[in-house]
Amino acid sequence: MVTWGDDAAPATPSRRARDAAPLVQICNRCIPHWVGDQDRVCDGEFGALARKCSRCARARHPCVEVEPTLYPHVNRLVRARAALAVLVDGGEEDEDTLAGPQAEVEEAGGDLVASLATLNRNRSRLLGDRPTPRRVRAAAAPAPSSETATLELQSIRRGLLALVEVGRLFLEDRGVNTASVNDILGVDGHAAAPAPEGEEEESEEEDEEMEG
């Protein structure tokens, strides 16, 4: 078992402790632009004095500060860029020496963008991520099909004819002549009941007598 003396150097902080906070202040939407160009920083404010960044304000999107799951990826890119800057500022020009730090910067940037895309994709399945609408618009009701409309009209027609028939029977029961109602309805009117056979024979005999 390894023990440390009183004058021993403190233990190196764990990766989780190092990434407990982001090394830059940035929102989720500014990350892809910052990865492509480190000079394109986010001008948003977070915390008690929260203020949208210019990009989110123009697009009418919520300005969400980089989230804890992305802290390690953001910090990795910051450290990779810092290590490369030390070499460049120190006058290092050897391509082989710069190749490693440059590859680390590119890899860290790609990893950050991929992690952000995964985070947004998982969030959109639950919450969505759309611009805030300027006004609420009522959804248009779906137009009924021609067959459905025809069936509805036929149903209304049968109901009206049934009401007319009830009224006609009521009037006939009161001794009112309903011939005018049948004339108005036309083919939908009530057909006259056929006369009994005996009455037809008597009417024919009367006609023959009158002609004779």
N, C-alpha and C. Protein backbone atom coordinates (compact mmCIF):
# COMPACT_ATOMS: atom_id res chain seq x y z
N MET A 1 0.85 -1.19 0.00
CA MET A 1 0.00 0.00 0.00
C MET A 1 0.88 1.24 0.00
N VAL A 2 0.61 2.19 -0.89
CA VAL A 2 1.42 3.39 -1.02
C VAL A 2 0.85 4.47 -0.13
N THR A 3 1.70 5.10 0.67
CA THR A 3 1.28 6.21 1.54
C THR A 3 2.09 7.43 1.20
N TRP A 4 1.54 8.58 1.49
CA TRP A 4 2.19 9.85 1.20
C TRP A 4 2.71 10.46 2.50
N GLY A 5 3.88 11.04 2.46
CA GLY A 5 4.41 11.75 3.61
C GLY A 5 3.79 13.11 3.74
N ASP A 6 4.14 13.79 4.82
CA ASP A 6 3.57 15.11 5.04
C ASP A 6 3.99 16.10 3.97
N ASP A 7 5.25 15.92 3.46
CA ASP A 7 5.73 16.86 2.47
C ASP A 7 5.55 16.37 1.04
N ALA A 8 4.75 15.31 0.89
CA ALA A 8 4.52 14.77 -0.45
C ALA A 8 3.62 15.70 -1.24
N ALA A 9 3.73 15.62 -2.56
CA ALA A 9 2.89 16.44 -3.44
C ALA A 9 1.45 15.95 -3.38
N PRO A 10 0.48 16.84 -3.43
CA PRO A 10 -0.93 16.42 -3.40
C PRO A 10 -1.26 15.57 -4.61
N ALA A 11 -2.25 14.71 -4.42
CA ALA A 11 -2.66 13.83 -5.51
C ALA A 11 -3.24 14.63 -6.66
N THR A 12 -3.05 14.13 -7.88
CA THR A 12 -3.61 14.79 -9.06
C THR A 12 -5.13 14.69 -9.01
N PRO A 13 -5.84 15.77 -9.21
CA PRO A 13 -7.31 15.71 -9.14
C PRO A 13 -7.86 14.77 -10.22
N SER A 14 -8.94 14.12 -9.88
CA SER A 14 -9.55 13.20 -10.83
C SER A 14 -10.12 13.97 -12.01
N ARG A 15 -10.39 13.22 -13.09
CA ARG A 15 -10.96 13.85 -14.29
C ARG A 15 -12.32 14.44 -14.00
N ARG A 16 -13.10 13.76 -13.14
CA ARG A 16 -14.44 14.29 -12.82
C ARG A 16 -14.32 15.62 -12.10
N ALA A 17 -13.35 15.75 -11.17
CA ALA A 17 -13.17 17.01 -10.46
C ALA A 17 -12.69 18.11 -11.41
N ARG A 18 -11.83 17.76 -12.35
CA ARG A 18 -11.33 18.74 -13.31
C ARG A 18 -12.44 19.26 -14.22
N ASP A 19 -13.43 18.43 -14.49
CA ASP A 19 -14.50 18.79 -15.41
C ASP A 19 -15.80 19.10 -14.67
N ALA A 20 -15.69 19.57 -13.44
CA ALA A 20 -16.89 19.90 -12.67
C ALA A 20 -17.55 21.18 -13.19
N ALA A 21 -16.82 21.96 -13.98
CA ALA A 21 -17.36 23.20 -14.54
C ALA A 21 -16.71 23.41 -15.90
N PRO A 22 -17.41 24.08 -16.83
CA PRO A 22 -16.81 24.34 -18.15
C PRO A 22 -15.75 25.43 -18.05
N LEU A 23 -14.72 25.32 -18.87
CA LEU A 23 -13.65 26.31 -18.87
C LEU A 23 -14.01 27.55 -19.68
N VAL A 24 -15.09 27.48 -20.45
CA VAL A 24 -15.57 28.65 -21.19
C VAL A 24 -17.07 28.77 -20.98
N GLN A 25 -17.56 29.97 -21.07
CA GLN A 25 -19.00 30.21 -20.99
C GLN A 25 -19.56 30.19 -22.40
N ILE A 26 -20.45 29.26 -22.66
CA ILE A 26 -20.96 29.09 -24.02
C ILE A 26 -22.30 28.38 -23.95
N CYS A 27 -23.17 28.66 -24.94
CA CYS A 27 -24.45 27.98 -25.01
C CYS A 27 -24.38 26.85 -26.04
N ASN A 28 -25.35 25.99 -26.01
CA ASN A 28 -25.33 24.82 -26.90
C ASN A 28 -25.30 25.21 -28.38
N ARG A 29 -26.02 26.26 -28.74
CA ARG A 29 -26.11 26.62 -30.15
C ARG A 29 -24.84 27.28 -30.67
N CYS A 30 -24.04 27.82 -29.79
CA CYS A 30 -22.80 28.46 -30.23
C CYS A 30 -21.65 27.45 -30.34
N ILE A 31 -21.84 26.25 -29.79
CA ILE A 31 -20.74 25.28 -29.78
C ILE A 31 -20.25 24.94 -31.18
N PRO A 32 -21.12 24.57 -32.14
CA PRO A 32 -20.60 24.21 -33.47
C PRO A 32 -19.83 25.34 -34.13
N HIS A 33 -20.28 26.59 -33.93
CA HIS A 33 -19.58 27.73 -34.54
C HIS A 33 -18.25 27.97 -33.85
N TRP A 34 -18.21 27.77 -32.54
CA TRP A 34 -16.96 27.94 -31.79
C TRP A 34 -15.94 26.86 -32.12
N VAL A 35 -16.43 25.64 -32.38
CA VAL A 35 -15.52 24.56 -32.77
C VAL A 35 -14.86 24.88 -34.10
N GLY A 36 -15.61 25.43 -35.04
CA GLY A 36 -15.05 25.78 -36.34
C GLY A 36 -14.14 26.99 -36.28
N ASP A 37 -14.40 27.90 -35.37
CA ASP A 37 -13.59 29.11 -35.27
C ASP A 37 -13.59 29.55 -33.81
N GLN A 38 -12.47 29.39 -33.12
CA GLN A 38 -12.42 29.67 -31.69
C GLN A 38 -12.60 31.15 -31.37
N ASP A 39 -12.51 32.00 -32.35
CA ASP A 39 -12.74 33.43 -32.11
C ASP A 39 -14.23 33.77 -32.08
N ARG A 40 -15.07 32.87 -32.53
CA ARG A 40 -16.52 33.13 -32.53
C ARG A 40 -17.10 32.68 -31.20
N VAL A 41 -16.92 33.52 -30.20
CA VAL A 41 -17.32 33.18 -28.83
C VAL A 41 -18.82 33.47 -28.65
N CYS A 42 -19.36 32.95 -27.56
CA CYS A 42 -20.77 33.17 -27.22
C CYS A 42 -20.87 34.40 -26.33
N ASP A 43 -21.80 35.32 -26.66
CA ASP A 43 -21.95 36.54 -25.87
C ASP A 43 -23.16 36.47 -24.94
N GLY A 44 -23.65 35.28 -24.66
CA GLY A 44 -24.77 35.13 -23.74
C GLY A 44 -24.33 35.25 -22.29
N GLU A 45 -25.29 35.50 -21.42
CA GLU A 45 -25.04 35.57 -19.98
C GLU A 45 -25.92 34.51 -19.31
N PHE A 46 -25.37 33.84 -18.32
CA PHE A 46 -26.09 32.76 -17.65
C PHE A 46 -26.06 32.99 -16.14
N GLY A 47 -26.98 32.31 -15.46
CA GLY A 47 -27.06 32.49 -14.01
C GLY A 47 -28.06 33.55 -13.64
N ALA A 48 -27.75 34.34 -12.61
CA ALA A 48 -28.69 35.36 -12.13
C ALA A 48 -28.93 36.45 -13.17
N LEU A 49 -27.91 36.80 -13.93
CA LEU A 49 -28.03 37.84 -14.95
C LEU A 49 -28.16 37.21 -16.34
N ALA A 50 -29.07 36.29 -16.47
CA ALA A 50 -29.21 35.55 -17.72
C ALA A 50 -29.63 36.48 -18.85
N ARG A 51 -28.99 36.31 -20.00
CA ARG A 51 -29.32 37.08 -21.20
C ARG A 51 -28.99 36.23 -22.41
N LYS A 52 -29.89 36.22 -23.37
CA LYS A 52 -29.68 35.40 -24.56
C LYS A 52 -28.48 35.90 -25.35
N CYS A 53 -27.79 34.95 -25.99
CA CYS A 53 -26.74 35.35 -26.90
C CYS A 53 -27.37 35.88 -28.19
N SER A 54 -26.58 36.53 -29.00
CA SER A 54 -27.11 37.16 -30.22
C SER A 54 -27.71 36.11 -31.16
N ARG A 55 -27.06 34.97 -31.26
CA ARG A 55 -27.51 33.94 -32.18
C ARG A 55 -28.89 33.40 -31.76
N CYS A 56 -29.07 33.09 -30.50
CA CYS A 56 -30.35 32.56 -30.02
C CYS A 56 -31.44 33.63 -30.06
N ALA A 57 -31.07 34.89 -29.81
CA ALA A 57 -32.05 35.96 -29.85
C ALA A 57 -32.59 36.14 -31.26
N ARG A 58 -31.73 36.07 -32.26
CA ARG A 58 -32.18 36.22 -33.66
C ARG A 58 -33.08 35.06 -34.08
N ALA A 59 -32.74 33.85 -33.65
CA ALA A 59 -33.51 32.67 -34.06
C ALA A 59 -34.71 32.40 -33.17
N ARG A 60 -34.91 33.23 -32.12
CA ARG A 60 -36.03 33.05 -31.19
C ARG A 60 -35.99 31.66 -30.55
N HIS A 61 -34.82 31.21 -30.19
CA HIS A 61 -34.63 29.95 -29.50
C HIS A 61 -34.25 30.21 -28.05
N PRO A 62 -34.57 29.29 -27.15
CA PRO A 62 -34.03 29.42 -25.80
C PRO A 62 -32.52 29.29 -25.80
N CYS A 63 -31.85 30.08 -24.99
CA CYS A 63 -30.39 30.07 -24.91
C CYS A 63 -30.00 29.19 -23.73
N VAL A 64 -29.55 27.98 -24.02
CA VAL A 64 -29.26 26.99 -22.98
C VAL A 64 -27.75 26.89 -22.81
N GLU A 65 -27.29 27.15 -21.59
CA GLU A 65 -25.85 27.04 -21.30
C GLU A 65 -25.39 25.61 -21.49
N VAL A 66 -24.13 25.45 -21.89
CA VAL A 66 -23.58 24.12 -22.11
C VAL A 66 -23.86 23.26 -20.88
N GLU A 67 -24.28 22.04 -21.12
CA GLU A 67 -24.78 21.19 -20.03
C GLU A 67 -23.68 20.29 -19.47
N PRO A 68 -23.87 19.83 -18.23
CA PRO A 68 -22.81 19.06 -17.55
C PRO A 68 -22.29 17.87 -18.34
N THR A 69 -23.15 17.22 -19.11
CA THR A 69 -22.67 16.06 -19.87
C THR A 69 -21.64 16.43 -20.94
N LEU A 70 -21.62 17.71 -21.30
CA LEU A 70 -20.67 18.17 -22.32
C LEU A 70 -19.43 18.84 -21.72
N TYR A 71 -19.41 19.03 -20.41
CA TYR A 71 -18.25 19.68 -19.78
C TYR A 71 -16.93 19.01 -20.16
N PRO A 72 -16.80 17.67 -20.05
CA PRO A 72 -15.51 17.06 -20.38
C PRO A 72 -15.08 17.30 -21.82
N HIS A 73 -16.05 17.30 -22.74
CA HIS A 73 -15.72 17.49 -24.15
C HIS A 73 -15.30 18.94 -24.43
N VAL A 74 -16.00 19.89 -23.80
CA VAL A 74 -15.63 21.30 -23.97
C VAL A 74 -14.24 21.55 -23.39
N ASN A 75 -14.00 21.04 -22.20
CA ASN A 75 -12.72 21.28 -21.54
C ASN A 75 -11.57 20.61 -22.29
N ARG A 76 -11.84 19.45 -22.87
CA ARG A 76 -10.80 18.78 -23.65
C ARG A 76 -10.37 19.64 -24.83
N LEU A 77 -11.33 20.25 -25.51
CA LEU A 77 -11.00 21.10 -26.64
C LEU A 77 -10.24 22.35 -26.18
N VAL A 78 -10.66 22.93 -25.06
CA VAL A 78 -9.98 24.12 -24.54
C VAL A 78 -8.52 23.79 -24.22
N ARG A 79 -8.29 22.66 -23.56
CA ARG A 79 -6.92 22.29 -23.18
C ARG A 79 -6.07 21.95 -24.42
N ALA A 80 -6.68 21.30 -25.41
CA ALA A 80 -5.94 20.96 -26.63
C ALA A 80 -5.54 22.23 -27.37
N ARG A 81 -6.44 23.19 -27.44
CA ARG A 81 -6.11 24.46 -28.10
C ARG A 81 -5.03 25.21 -27.33
N ALA A 82 -5.10 25.14 -26.01
CA ALA A 82 -4.10 25.84 -25.19
C ALA A 82 -2.71 25.22 -25.39
N ALA A 83 -2.67 23.89 -25.46
CA ALA A 83 -1.37 23.22 -25.65
C ALA A 83 -0.79 23.56 -27.01
N LEU A 84 -1.64 23.62 -28.02
CA LEU A 84 -1.16 23.98 -29.35
C LEU A 84 -0.70 25.43 -29.38
N ALA A 85 -1.42 26.31 -28.69
CA ALA A 85 -1.05 27.73 -28.68
C ALA A 85 0.30 27.94 -28.01
N VAL A 86 0.61 27.14 -26.98
CA VAL A 86 1.91 27.27 -26.31
C VAL A 86 3.04 26.99 -27.29
N LEU A 87 2.85 25.95 -28.10
CA LEU A 87 3.90 25.61 -29.07
C LEU A 87 4.03 26.68 -30.14
N VAL A 88 2.88 27.14 -30.64
CA VAL A 88 2.92 28.15 -31.71
C VAL A 88 3.50 29.46 -31.19
N ASP A 89 3.09 29.87 -30.01
CA ASP A 89 3.60 31.13 -29.45
C ASP A 89 5.09 31.02 -29.10
N GLY A 90 5.55 29.80 -28.81
CA GLY A 90 6.96 29.62 -28.51
C GLY A 90 7.84 29.55 -29.73
N GLY A 91 7.23 29.70 -30.90
CA GLY A 91 8.00 29.72 -32.13
C GLY A 91 8.24 28.35 -32.73
N GLU A 92 7.53 27.36 -32.27
CA GLU A 92 7.69 26.01 -32.83
C GLU A 92 7.15 25.99 -34.26
N GLU A 93 7.97 25.52 -35.20
CA GLU A 93 7.57 25.47 -36.59
C GLU A 93 7.69 24.07 -37.18
N ASP A 94 8.22 23.15 -36.43
CA ASP A 94 8.39 21.80 -36.95
C ASP A 94 7.02 21.14 -37.12
N GLU A 95 6.73 20.70 -38.33
CA GLU A 95 5.41 20.13 -38.62
C GLU A 95 5.16 18.84 -37.85
N ASP A 96 6.17 18.04 -37.69
CA ASP A 96 5.99 16.79 -36.96
C ASP A 96 5.65 17.05 -35.50
N THR A 97 6.26 18.09 -34.94
CA THR A 97 5.98 18.43 -33.54
C THR A 97 4.57 18.98 -33.38
N LEU A 98 4.12 19.75 -34.36
CA LEU A 98 2.78 20.35 -34.28
C LEU A 98 1.68 19.39 -34.72
N ALA A 99 2.03 18.32 -35.40
CA ALA A 99 1.01 17.42 -35.94
C ALA A 99 0.17 16.80 -34.83
N GLY A 100 0.83 16.36 -33.76
CA GLY A 100 0.11 15.72 -32.66
C GLY A 100 -0.89 16.65 -32.00
N PRO A 101 -0.49 17.85 -31.53
CA PRO A 101 -1.45 18.79 -30.92
C PRO A 101 -2.56 19.21 -31.88
N GLN A 102 -2.23 19.40 -33.15
CA GLN A 102 -3.27 19.78 -34.12
C GLN A 102 -4.30 18.66 -34.29
N ALA A 103 -3.82 17.41 -34.34
CA ALA A 103 -4.74 16.29 -34.45
C ALA A 103 -5.63 16.17 -33.21
N GLU A 104 -5.06 16.48 -32.03
CA GLU A 104 -5.84 16.45 -30.80
C GLU A 104 -6.92 17.51 -30.81
N VAL A 105 -6.61 18.69 -31.33
CA VAL A 105 -7.62 19.76 -31.43
C VAL A 105 -8.76 19.34 -32.35
N GLU A 106 -8.41 18.78 -33.51
CA GLU A 106 -9.46 18.35 -34.45
C GLU A 106 -10.30 17.22 -33.88
N GLU A 107 -9.65 16.28 -33.22
CA GLU A 107 -10.39 15.15 -32.64
C GLU A 107 -11.30 15.62 -31.51
N ALA A 108 -10.80 16.52 -30.67
CA ALA A 108 -11.61 17.03 -29.57
C ALA A 108 -12.81 17.82 -30.10
N GLY A 109 -12.61 18.60 -31.16
CA GLY A 109 -13.72 19.35 -31.74
C GLY A 109 -14.77 18.44 -32.33
N GLY A 110 -14.33 17.42 -33.08
CA GLY A 110 -15.30 16.48 -33.64
C GLY A 110 -16.05 15.72 -32.57
N ASP A 111 -15.37 15.35 -31.50
CA ASP A 111 -16.02 14.63 -30.41
C ASP A 111 -17.06 15.51 -29.73
N LEU A 112 -16.76 16.80 -29.56
CA LEU A 112 -17.71 17.71 -28.93
C LEU A 112 -18.95 17.89 -29.79
N VAL A 113 -18.77 18.09 -31.08
CA VAL A 113 -19.93 18.27 -31.98
C VAL A 113 -20.79 17.01 -32.02
N ALA A 114 -20.16 15.85 -32.06
CA ALA A 114 -20.92 14.59 -32.08
C ALA A 114 -21.68 14.40 -30.77
N SER A 115 -21.07 14.74 -29.65
CA SER A 115 -21.74 14.60 -28.36
C SER A 115 -22.92 15.55 -28.25
N LEU A 116 -22.77 16.77 -28.79
CA LEU A 116 -23.87 17.73 -28.78
C LEU A 116 -25.03 17.23 -29.65
N ALA A 117 -24.71 16.66 -30.82
CA ALA A 117 -25.76 16.13 -31.70
C ALA A 117 -26.52 15.00 -31.01
N THR A 118 -25.83 14.15 -30.31
CA THR A 118 -26.49 13.05 -29.58
C THR A 118 -27.39 13.61 -28.48
N LEU A 119 -26.91 14.60 -27.77
CA LEU A 119 -27.72 15.21 -26.71
C LEU A 119 -28.99 15.84 -27.27
N ASN A 120 -28.86 16.59 -28.36
CA ASN A 120 -30.03 17.22 -28.97
C ASN A 120 -31.00 16.19 -29.51
N ARG A 121 -30.47 15.13 -30.11
CA ARG A 121 -31.35 14.09 -30.66
C ARG A 121 -32.14 13.40 -29.55
N ASN A 122 -31.49 13.09 -28.45
CA ASN A 122 -32.20 12.45 -27.33
C ASN A 122 -33.22 13.39 -26.71
N ARG A 123 -32.90 14.69 -26.66
CA ARG A 123 -33.84 15.64 -26.08
C ARG A 123 -35.05 15.83 -26.98
N SER A 124 -34.84 15.87 -28.28
CA SER A 124 -35.95 16.13 -29.21
C SER A 124 -36.99 15.02 -29.17
N ARG A 125 -36.59 13.82 -28.77
CA ARG A 125 -37.57 12.73 -28.66
C ARG A 125 -38.56 12.96 -27.54
N LEU A 126 -38.15 13.77 -26.56
CA LEU A 126 -39.01 14.00 -25.40
C LEU A 126 -39.64 15.39 -25.41
N LEU A 127 -38.84 16.42 -25.76
CA LEU A 127 -39.32 17.78 -25.63
C LEU A 127 -39.48 18.49 -26.96
N GLY A 128 -38.69 18.12 -27.97
CA GLY A 128 -38.68 18.87 -29.21
C GLY A 128 -37.78 20.09 -29.08
N ASP A 129 -37.43 20.67 -30.18
CA ASP A 129 -36.53 21.82 -30.19
C ASP A 129 -36.89 22.69 -31.37
N ARG A 130 -37.94 23.48 -31.23
CA ARG A 130 -38.43 24.28 -32.34
C ARG A 130 -38.45 25.76 -31.96
N PRO A 131 -38.48 26.65 -32.95
CA PRO A 131 -38.56 28.08 -32.63
C PRO A 131 -39.86 28.40 -31.91
N THR A 132 -39.81 29.41 -31.04
CA THR A 132 -41.02 29.85 -30.35
C THR A 132 -41.94 30.53 -31.35
N PRO A 133 -43.19 30.07 -31.51
CA PRO A 133 -44.08 30.69 -32.51
C PRO A 133 -44.46 32.10 -32.11
N ARG A 134 -44.63 32.95 -33.12
CA ARG A 134 -45.03 34.34 -32.85
C ARG A 134 -46.50 34.41 -32.44
N ARG A 135 -47.32 33.59 -32.98
CA ARG A 135 -48.73 33.57 -32.61
C ARG A 135 -49.25 32.14 -32.71
N VAL A 136 -50.30 31.89 -31.94
CA VAL A 136 -50.90 30.56 -31.95
C VAL A 136 -51.92 30.50 -33.07
N ARG A 137 -51.78 29.52 -33.92
CA ARG A 137 -52.70 29.36 -35.04
C ARG A 137 -53.52 28.09 -34.85
N ALA A 138 -54.83 28.24 -35.06
CA ALA A 138 -55.71 27.08 -34.92
C ALA A 138 -55.47 26.12 -36.08
N ALA A 139 -55.42 24.86 -35.76
CA ALA A 139 -55.20 23.85 -36.80
C ALA A 139 -56.46 23.70 -37.64
N ALA A 140 -56.30 23.63 -38.94
CA ALA A 140 -57.44 23.48 -39.85
C ALA A 140 -58.02 22.08 -39.72
N ALA A 141 -59.37 22.02 -39.68
CA ALA A 141 -60.03 20.73 -39.59
C ALA A 141 -59.90 20.00 -40.92
N PRO A 142 -59.69 18.71 -40.89
CA PRO A 142 -59.55 17.96 -42.14
C PRO A 142 -60.85 17.97 -42.94
N ALA A 143 -60.74 18.20 -44.23
CA ALA A 143 -61.92 18.24 -45.09
C ALA A 143 -62.50 16.85 -45.26
N PRO A 144 -63.84 16.70 -45.12
CA PRO A 144 -64.43 15.37 -45.27
C PRO A 144 -64.34 14.91 -46.72
N SER A 145 -64.28 13.62 -46.92
CA SER A 145 -64.23 13.08 -48.27
C SER A 145 -65.59 13.22 -48.93
N SER A 146 -65.64 13.11 -50.27
CA SER A 146 -66.90 13.25 -51.00
C SER A 146 -67.89 12.18 -50.61
N GLU A 147 -67.40 10.97 -50.36
CA GLU A 147 -68.31 9.88 -49.97
C GLU A 147 -68.93 10.15 -48.61
N THR A 148 -68.12 10.64 -47.68
CA THR A 148 -68.65 10.96 -46.35
C THR A 148 -69.67 12.07 -46.42
N ALA A 149 -69.39 13.11 -47.22
CA ALA A 149 -70.33 14.23 -47.35
C ALA A 149 -71.64 13.77 -47.98
N THR A 150 -71.57 12.88 -48.96
CA THR A 150 -72.80 12.37 -49.60
C THR A 150 -73.65 11.60 -48.61
N LEU A 151 -73.03 10.77 -47.81
CA LEU A 151 -73.78 10.00 -46.81
C LEU A 151 -74.44 10.91 -45.78
N GLU A 152 -73.74 11.98 -45.39
CA GLU A 152 -74.32 12.91 -44.43
C GLU A 152 -75.52 13.63 -45.02
N LEU A 153 -75.40 14.05 -46.29
CA LEU A 153 -76.53 14.73 -46.93
C LEU A 153 -77.74 13.80 -47.08
N GLN A 154 -77.48 12.55 -47.44
CA GLN A 154 -78.58 11.60 -47.55
C GLN A 154 -79.27 11.38 -46.21
N SER A 155 -78.50 11.34 -45.15
CA SER A 155 -79.08 11.16 -43.83
C SER A 155 -79.95 12.34 -43.44
N ILE A 156 -79.47 13.57 -43.75
CA ILE A 156 -80.26 14.77 -43.45
C ILE A 156 -81.54 14.78 -44.28
N ARG A 157 -81.45 14.38 -45.55
CA ARG A 157 -82.62 14.36 -46.43
C ARG A 157 -83.68 13.38 -45.91
N ARG A 158 -83.23 12.19 -45.50
CA ARG A 158 -84.21 11.21 -44.99
C ARG A 158 -84.89 11.73 -43.73
N GLY A 159 -84.14 12.42 -42.88
CA GLY A 159 -84.75 12.96 -41.67
C GLY A 159 -85.79 14.02 -41.97
N LEU A 160 -85.50 14.91 -42.95
CA LEU A 160 -86.47 15.95 -43.31
C LEU A 160 -87.74 15.36 -43.92
N LEU A 161 -87.54 14.36 -44.80
CA LEU A 161 -88.72 13.73 -45.40
C LEU A 161 -89.57 13.02 -44.36
N ALA A 162 -88.92 12.44 -43.36
CA ALA A 162 -89.68 11.79 -42.29
C ALA A 162 -90.52 12.81 -41.52
N LEU A 163 -89.95 13.98 -41.26
CA LEU A 163 -90.71 15.02 -40.57
C LEU A 163 -91.89 15.50 -41.40
N VAL A 164 -91.68 15.65 -42.73
CA VAL A 164 -92.77 16.07 -43.62
C VAL A 164 -93.89 15.04 -43.63
N GLU A 165 -93.50 13.77 -43.66
CA GLU A 165 -94.50 12.70 -43.68
C GLU A 165 -95.33 12.70 -42.41
N VAL A 166 -94.68 12.92 -41.28
CA VAL A 166 -95.42 12.99 -40.01
C VAL A 166 -96.41 14.15 -40.03
N GLY A 167 -95.97 15.31 -40.54
CA GLY A 167 -96.87 16.45 -40.63
C GLY A 167 -98.02 16.21 -41.59
N ARG A 168 -97.76 15.53 -42.73
CA ARG A 168 -98.83 15.25 -43.68
C ARG A 168 -99.89 14.34 -43.08
N LEU A 169 -99.43 13.30 -42.37
CA LEU A 169 -100.39 12.39 -41.73
C LEU A 169 -101.22 13.11 -40.68
N PHE A 170 -100.59 14.05 -39.96
CA PHE A 170 -101.32 14.82 -38.96
C PHE A 170 -102.43 15.66 -39.61
N LEU A 171 -102.09 16.30 -40.77
CA LEU A 171 -103.08 17.12 -41.46
C LEU A 171 -104.21 16.27 -42.04
N GLU A 172 -103.89 15.13 -42.61
CA GLU A 172 -104.91 14.27 -43.17
C GLU A 172 -105.86 13.77 -42.07
N ASP A 173 -105.28 13.52 -40.89
CA ASP A 173 -106.12 13.09 -39.77
C ASP A 173 -107.10 14.18 -39.37
N ARG A 174 -106.72 15.44 -39.64
CA ARG A 174 -107.62 16.56 -39.33
C ARG A 174 -108.51 16.92 -40.51
N GLY A 175 -108.46 16.12 -41.57
CA GLY A 175 -109.31 16.35 -42.73
C GLY A 175 -108.81 17.40 -43.68
N VAL A 176 -107.53 17.73 -43.63
CA VAL A 176 -106.96 18.74 -44.51
C VAL A 176 -106.43 18.06 -45.77
N ASN A 177 -106.70 18.68 -46.92
CA ASN A 177 -106.21 18.15 -48.17
C ASN A 177 -104.70 18.42 -48.28
N THR A 178 -103.93 17.35 -48.46
CA THR A 178 -102.45 17.48 -48.51
C THR A 178 -101.91 17.34 -49.92
N ALA A 179 -102.76 17.52 -50.93
CA ALA A 179 -102.29 17.38 -52.31
C ALA A 179 -101.23 18.42 -52.64
N SER A 180 -101.38 19.63 -52.09
CA SER A 180 -100.39 20.67 -52.38
C SER A 180 -99.01 20.31 -51.82
N VAL A 181 -99.00 19.58 -50.69
CA VAL A 181 -97.73 19.16 -50.12
C VAL A 181 -97.04 18.18 -51.06
N ASN A 182 -97.84 17.24 -51.61
CA ASN A 182 -97.27 16.28 -52.54
C ASN A 182 -96.76 16.96 -53.81
N ASP A 183 -97.45 18.01 -54.25
CA ASP A 183 -97.00 18.73 -55.44
C ASP A 183 -95.65 19.41 -55.19
N ILE A 184 -95.47 19.95 -54.00
CA ILE A 184 -94.21 20.61 -53.68
C ILE A 184 -93.07 19.60 -53.60
N LEU A 185 -93.32 18.45 -53.00
CA LEU A 185 -92.28 17.44 -52.83
C LEU A 185 -91.95 16.73 -54.13
N GLY A 186 -92.87 16.70 -55.07
CA GLY A 186 -92.59 16.05 -56.34
C GLY A 186 -92.44 14.55 -56.17
N VAL A 187 -91.30 14.01 -56.66
CA VAL A 187 -91.08 12.56 -56.60
C VAL A 187 -90.94 12.08 -55.17
N ASP A 188 -90.62 12.99 -54.27
CA ASP A 188 -90.51 12.59 -52.87
C ASP A 188 -91.83 12.66 -52.14
N GLY A 189 -92.89 13.08 -52.85
CA GLY A 189 -94.18 13.19 -52.21
C GLY A 189 -94.82 11.82 -51.95
N HIS A 190 -95.88 11.86 -51.16
CA HIS A 190 -96.58 10.64 -50.81
C HIS A 190 -97.41 10.17 -52.00
N ALA A 191 -97.22 8.93 -52.42
CA ALA A 191 -97.99 8.40 -53.55
C ALA A 191 -99.42 8.14 -53.11
N ALA A 192 -100.37 8.47 -53.99
CA ALA A 192 -101.78 8.27 -53.66
C ALA A 192 -102.08 6.78 -53.57
N ALA A 193 -102.86 6.43 -52.56
CA ALA A 193 -103.21 5.02 -52.37
C ALA A 193 -104.13 4.56 -53.48
N PRO A 194 -103.95 3.36 -54.05
CA PRO A 194 -104.82 2.86 -55.13
C PRO A 194 -106.24 2.65 -54.62
N ALA A 195 -107.23 2.93 -55.47
CA ALA A 195 -108.64 2.78 -55.10
C ALA A 195 -109.01 1.31 -55.05
N PRO A 196 -109.92 0.92 -54.16
CA PRO A 196 -110.37 -0.48 -54.10
C PRO A 196 -110.97 -0.92 -55.43
N GLU A 197 -110.93 -2.25 -55.70
CA GLU A 197 -111.40 -2.76 -56.98
C GLU A 197 -112.88 -2.50 -57.18
N GLY A 198 -113.66 -2.61 -56.15
CA GLY A 198 -115.11 -2.39 -56.26
C GLY A 198 -115.41 -0.98 -56.69
N GLU A 199 -114.71 -0.03 -56.12
CA GLU A 199 -114.95 1.37 -56.46
C GLU A 199 -114.56 1.64 -57.90
N GLU A 200 -113.49 0.97 -58.40
CA GLU A 200 -113.09 1.19 -59.78
C GLU A 200 -114.17 0.69 -60.73
N GLU A 201 -114.79 -0.49 -60.44
CA GLU A 201 -115.83 -1.02 -61.32
C GLU A 201 -117.05 -0.12 -61.34
N GLU A 202 -117.41 0.41 -60.12
CA GLU A 202 -118.58 1.29 -60.08
C GLU A 202 -118.33 2.56 -60.87
N SER A 203 -117.13 3.11 -60.75
CA SER A 203 -116.86 4.34 -61.48
C SER A 203 -116.86 4.09 -62.97
N GLU A 204 -116.43 2.89 -63.44
CA GLU A 204 -116.44 2.59 -64.87
C GLU A 204 -117.88 2.45 -65.36
N GLU A 205 -118.76 1.80 -64.57
CA GLU A 205 -120.18 1.66 -64.97
C GLU A 205 -120.84 3.01 -65.07
N GLU A 206 -120.52 3.91 -64.09
CA GLU A 206 -121.13 5.24 -64.14
C GLU A 206 -120.69 5.99 -65.40
N ASP A 207 -119.44 5.81 -65.78
CA ASP A 207 -118.95 6.50 -66.98
C ASP A 207 -119.65 5.98 -68.22
N GLU A 208 -119.93 4.64 -68.27
CA GLU A 208 -120.59 4.07 -69.44
C GLU A 208 -122.03 4.55 -69.54
N GLU A 209 -122.70 4.65 -68.36
CA GLU A 209 -124.08 5.13 -68.37
C GLU A 209 -124.16 6.55 -68.85
N MET A 210 -123.21 7.37 -68.39
CA MET A 210 -123.23 8.77 -68.80
C MET A 210 -122.96 8.89 -70.29
N GLU A 211 -122.08 8.02 -70.83
CA GLU A 211 -121.81 8.09 -72.25
C GLU A 211 -123.00 7.59 -73.07
N GLY A 212 -123.74 6.57 -72.53
CA GLY A 212 -124.90 6.06 -73.22
C GLY A 212 -126.03 7.05 -73.22
